Protein backbone atom coordinates (compact mmCIF):
# COMPACT_ATOMS: atom_id res chain seq x y z
CA UNK A 1 0.00 0.00 0.00
CA UNK A 2 1.48 3.33 -1.02
CA UNK A 3 1.20 6.64 0.81
CA UNK A 4 -1.43 7.80 -1.68
CA UNK A 5 -3.64 4.81 -0.92
CA UNK A 6 -3.38 5.18 2.87
CA UNK A 7 -4.38 8.57 4.15
CA UNK A 8 -2.28 9.84 7.01
CA UNK A 9 -4.06 12.33 9.21
CA UNK A 10 -2.91 14.84 11.73
CA UNK A 11 -3.50 14.41 15.43
CA UNK A 12 -6.00 17.25 15.49
CA UNK A 13 -8.12 15.71 12.74
CA UNK A 14 -8.37 12.23 14.22
CA UNK A 15 -10.31 12.85 17.39
CA UNK A 16 -13.90 12.72 16.11
CA UNK A 17 -15.84 9.57 16.82
CA UNK A 18 -13.33 8.28 19.36
CA UNK A 19 -14.63 6.45 22.38
CA UNK A 20 -13.41 4.48 25.31
CA UNK A 21 -16.01 1.70 25.41
CA UNK A 22 -19.61 0.84 24.72
CA UNK A 23 -21.17 -0.79 21.71
CA UNK A 24 -19.79 1.56 19.05
CA UNK A 25 -22.18 3.71 17.10
CA UNK A 26 -25.42 3.13 18.95
CA UNK A 27 -25.85 -0.61 18.86
CA UNK A 28 -23.66 -1.35 15.83
CA UNK A 29 -20.50 -3.41 15.66
CA UNK A 30 -17.25 -1.72 16.67
CA UNK A 31 -13.64 -2.69 17.19
CA UNK A 32 -12.03 -1.82 20.50
CA UNK A 33 -8.29 -1.31 20.07
CA UNK A 34 -6.08 -0.76 23.10
CA UNK A 35 -2.75 0.62 21.96
CA UNK A 36 -0.30 -0.91 24.41
CA UNK A 37 3.17 0.02 23.23
CA UNK A 38 5.60 0.28 20.34
CA UNK A 39 9.27 -0.49 20.01
CA UNK A 40 12.15 0.25 17.64
CA UNK A 41 10.54 3.42 16.28
CA UNK A 42 12.73 5.90 14.47
CA UNK A 43 12.38 9.11 12.52
CA UNK A 44 12.99 9.00 8.75
CA UNK A 45 15.91 11.01 7.34
CA UNK A 46 15.06 14.73 7.14
CA UNK A 47 14.09 16.10 3.74
CA UNK A 48 15.37 19.59 4.61
CA UNK A 49 17.77 21.22 7.00
CA UNK A 50 16.29 22.72 10.16
CA UNK A 51 17.83 24.45 13.14
CA UNK A 52 15.12 23.00 15.39
CA UNK A 53 16.21 19.63 16.77
CA UNK A 54 14.04 16.67 15.80
CA UNK A 55 12.59 14.60 18.58
CA UNK A 56 10.64 11.35 18.45
CA UNK A 57 7.22 12.10 19.97
CA UNK A 58 5.01 9.24 18.69
CA UNK A 59 1.26 8.85 18.79
CA UNK A 60 -1.06 6.33 17.13
CA UNK A 61 -4.22 6.74 15.07
CA UNK A 62 -6.80 4.00 14.54
CA UNK A 63 -9.22 4.46 11.65
CA UNK A 64 -11.98 2.62 9.81
CA UNK A 65 -14.17 3.64 6.91
CA UNK A 66 -16.51 5.37 9.39
CA UNK A 67 -14.27 7.30 11.79
CA UNK A 68 -10.81 7.74 13.25
CA UNK A 69 -9.29 8.55 16.63
CA UNK A 70 -5.85 8.78 18.18
CA UNK A 71 -3.82 8.36 21.34
CA UNK A 72 -1.83 10.94 23.25
CA UNK A 73 1.87 11.43 22.65
CA UNK A 74 3.83 8.68 24.36
CA UNK A 75 6.76 9.08 26.66
CA UNK A 76 9.83 7.00 25.90
CA UNK A 77 11.19 4.52 28.42
CA UNK A 78 14.30 2.52 27.48
CA UNK A 79 13.54 2.70 23.78
CA UNK A 80 9.92 1.52 24.14
CA UNK A 81 6.95 3.88 23.95
CA UNK A 82 3.79 2.98 25.86
CA UNK A 83 0.24 4.34 25.75
CA UNK A 84 -2.35 1.89 27.15
CA UNK A 85 -5.01 4.05 25.49
CA UNK A 86 -8.27 2.39 24.43
CA UNK A 87 -9.84 3.54 21.15
CA UNK A 88 -13.15 2.41 19.64
CA UNK A 89 -13.97 2.65 15.93
CA UNK A 90 -17.17 1.37 14.24
CA UNK A 91 -16.71 -1.24 11.54
CA UNK A 92 -19.00 -2.18 8.69
CA UNK A 93 -19.90 -5.26 6.69
CA UNK A 94 -16.77 -4.95 4.54
CA UNK A 95 -14.62 -5.58 7.63
CA UNK A 96 -16.74 -8.43 9.02
CA UNK A 97 -16.88 -10.15 5.63
CA UNK A 98 -13.11 -9.77 5.17
CA UNK A 99 -13.42 -7.97 1.85
CA UNK A 100 -10.31 -6.32 0.44
CA UNK A 101 -9.46 -2.92 1.89
CA UNK A 102 -11.95 -3.32 4.73
CA UNK A 103 -9.46 -3.71 7.56
CA UNK A 104 -8.93 -1.30 10.42
CA UNK A 105 -5.83 0.82 9.83
CA UNK A 106 -3.30 1.70 12.50
CA UNK A 107 -0.75 4.44 11.81
CA UNK A 108 2.09 5.79 13.92
CA UNK A 109 3.23 9.43 13.68
CA UNK A 110 5.70 11.67 15.41
CA UNK A 111 4.36 15.01 16.54
CA UNK A 112 6.65 17.95 15.64
CA UNK A 113 8.44 19.79 18.39
CA UNK A 114 7.16 23.03 16.87
CA UNK A 115 3.95 23.13 14.85
CA UNK A 116 5.19 26.18 12.93
CA UNK A 117 7.78 24.16 11.00
CA UNK A 118 5.50 21.42 9.69
CA UNK A 119 3.01 18.71 10.45
CA UNK A 120 3.32 15.26 11.94
CA UNK A 121 5.88 12.84 10.49
CA UNK A 122 4.48 9.42 9.47
CA UNK A 123 6.55 6.58 10.89
CA UNK A 124 4.67 3.53 9.64
CA UNK A 125 1.34 1.76 9.41
CA UNK A 126 -0.29 -1.65 9.68
CA UNK A 127 -3.73 -3.12 9.18
CA UNK A 128 -5.88 -5.29 11.46
CA UNK A 129 -7.68 -7.83 9.24
CA UNK A 130 -10.93 -9.41 10.34
CA UNK A 131 -9.31 -12.86 10.29
CA UNK A 132 -7.11 -11.90 13.25
CA UNK A 133 -10.18 -11.06 15.35
CA UNK A 134 -12.84 -13.45 14.02
CA UNK A 135 -10.59 -16.51 14.09
CA UNK A 136 -13.23 -18.96 15.32
CA UNK A 137 -11.02 -20.10 18.20
CA UNK A 138 -12.42 -17.76 20.83
CA UNK A 139 -15.53 -15.56 21.02
CA UNK A 140 -15.21 -12.23 19.19
CA UNK A 141 -15.60 -10.39 22.51
CA UNK A 142 -12.51 -12.11 23.91
CA UNK A 143 -9.49 -9.83 24.19
CA UNK A 144 -6.68 -10.74 21.81
CA UNK A 145 -3.15 -9.39 22.05
CA UNK A 146 -1.71 -8.76 18.59
CA UNK A 147 1.66 -7.41 17.41
CA UNK A 148 2.31 -6.01 13.94
CA UNK A 149 5.43 -4.90 12.13
CA UNK A 150 5.02 -1.41 10.72
CA UNK A 151 5.23 -0.77 7.00
CA UNK A 152 6.87 2.18 5.29
CA UNK A 153 4.37 5.00 4.64
CA UNK A 154 5.96 5.86 1.29
CA UNK A 155 6.74 2.52 -0.35
CA UNK A 156 4.66 0.03 1.63
CA UNK A 157 7.80 -1.99 2.34
CA UNK A 158 8.98 -2.99 5.79
CA UNK A 159 9.77 -0.15 8.17
CA UNK A 160 11.48 -0.19 11.50
CA UNK A 161 9.12 -0.62 14.40
CA UNK A 162 6.59 -2.96 16.00
CA UNK A 163 3.27 -1.97 17.59
CA UNK A 164 1.52 -4.04 20.27
CA UNK A 165 -2.28 -3.99 20.53
CA UNK A 166 -5.12 -5.60 22.45
CA UNK A 167 -8.24 -6.01 20.29
CA UNK A 168 -11.80 -7.22 20.72
CA UNK A 169 -15.19 -6.82 18.99
CA UNK A 170 -18.02 -4.85 20.60
CA UNK A 171 -21.67 -5.28 19.67
CA UNK A 172 -23.76 -8.16 18.36
CA UNK A 173 -22.55 -10.03 15.32
CA UNK A 174 -25.46 -11.17 13.13
CA UNK A 175 -24.47 -14.30 11.19
CA UNK A 176 -25.09 -14.11 7.44
CA UNK A 177 -28.13 -16.00 6.12
CA UNK A 178 -27.39 -19.50 4.84
CA UNK A 179 -27.00 -19.80 1.06
CA UNK A 180 -30.13 -20.65 -0.85
CA UNK A 181 -29.86 -23.86 -2.85
CA UNK A 182 -32.21 -24.90 -5.62
CA UNK A 183 -34.46 -27.76 -4.47
CA UNK A 184 -33.18 -31.06 -5.75
CA UNK A 185 -35.48 -33.41 -7.65
CA UNK A 186 -36.34 -36.40 -5.45
CA UNK A 187 -35.32 -39.78 -6.88
CA UNK A 188 -38.02 -41.68 -8.67
CA UNK A 189 -39.75 -44.27 -6.51
CA UNK A 190 -40.74 -47.70 -7.93
CA UNK A 191 -44.44 -48.06 -8.59
CA UNK A 192 -46.82 -50.79 -9.66
CA UNK A 193 -47.56 -49.22 -13.01
CA UNK A 194 -44.07 -48.51 -14.31
CA UNK A 195 -42.74 -50.10 -17.47
CA UNK A 196 -39.19 -51.47 -17.54
CA UNK A 197 -36.91 -51.74 -20.59
CA UNK A 198 -34.82 -54.91 -20.67
CA UNK A 199 -32.43 -56.85 -22.92
CA UNK A 200 -33.08 -60.55 -23.65
CA UNK A 201 -30.69 -63.02 -22.03
CA UNK A 202 -30.10 -64.65 -25.43
CA UNK A 203 -27.87 -61.74 -26.44
CA UNK A 204 -29.82 -60.57 -29.50
CA UNK A 205 -29.75 -56.90 -30.35
CA UNK A 206 -33.50 -56.46 -30.21
CA UNK A 207 -34.86 -54.78 -27.14
CA UNK A 208 -37.97 -55.97 -25.40
CA UNK A 209 -40.43 -54.13 -23.27
CA UNK A 210 -41.39 -55.89 -20.11
CA UNK A 211 -43.15 -55.28 -16.85
CA UNK A 212 -41.28 -55.04 -13.53
CA UNK A 213 -41.32 -58.18 -11.44
CA UNK A 214 -43.50 -56.60 -8.78
CA UNK A 215 -46.03 -55.54 -11.44
CA UNK A 216 -46.14 -59.04 -12.91
CA UNK A 217 -46.49 -60.60 -9.49
CA UNK A 218 -49.42 -58.28 -8.80
CA UNK A 219 -51.10 -59.36 -12.04
CA UNK A 220 -50.72 -63.08 -11.29
CA UNK A 221 -52.10 -62.55 -7.85
CA UNK A 222 -55.15 -60.80 -9.30
CA UNK A 223 -55.74 -63.55 -11.91
CA UNK A 224 -55.64 -66.33 -9.31
CA UNK A 225 -58.53 -64.79 -7.38
């Protein structure tokens, strides 16, 4: 996925629709993502010279097709950044049915030390597919701890960094209706009035028309009365 296909958003524009629990969107299905921590994050090489020192001040955004929200800026501790922030984003049928492009996107940015010199710097992104949450091994509401390697925001290739999440589904999942099959034709049942086509035992090529054994037996029984 290239940078043009994945929209990076600023921290100020990712706060709408963010929640810390509940069913997500008034009774719909939502994904609860707790951003635990990230490790091995680094800033990309600068594209221009600046007298203001660059500092790594990471935060995480979680977005679906319906909304997006973000964490606070994390404080570093021995090279690992931690948040423990819980974000809730509503998900639609395209996520639950595992259709292409319907995953929940997670992006990591670094907030600038001074907003006057530019916006947030994208560090990497990953995607949470429905198969990692609806795996059939545990209920969807069970909390799953997942770790993803971040991908480069420009080329989509591997980037340096790993993000650790805890994910679960909120709301009621309605199973899809079973597929409709055309009714099959029941096999023909033997009857007393059916005619059978047979070949003589003598091996001649002429075909004869005869009555089934049960039909003949019924006729003999009627004649003997």
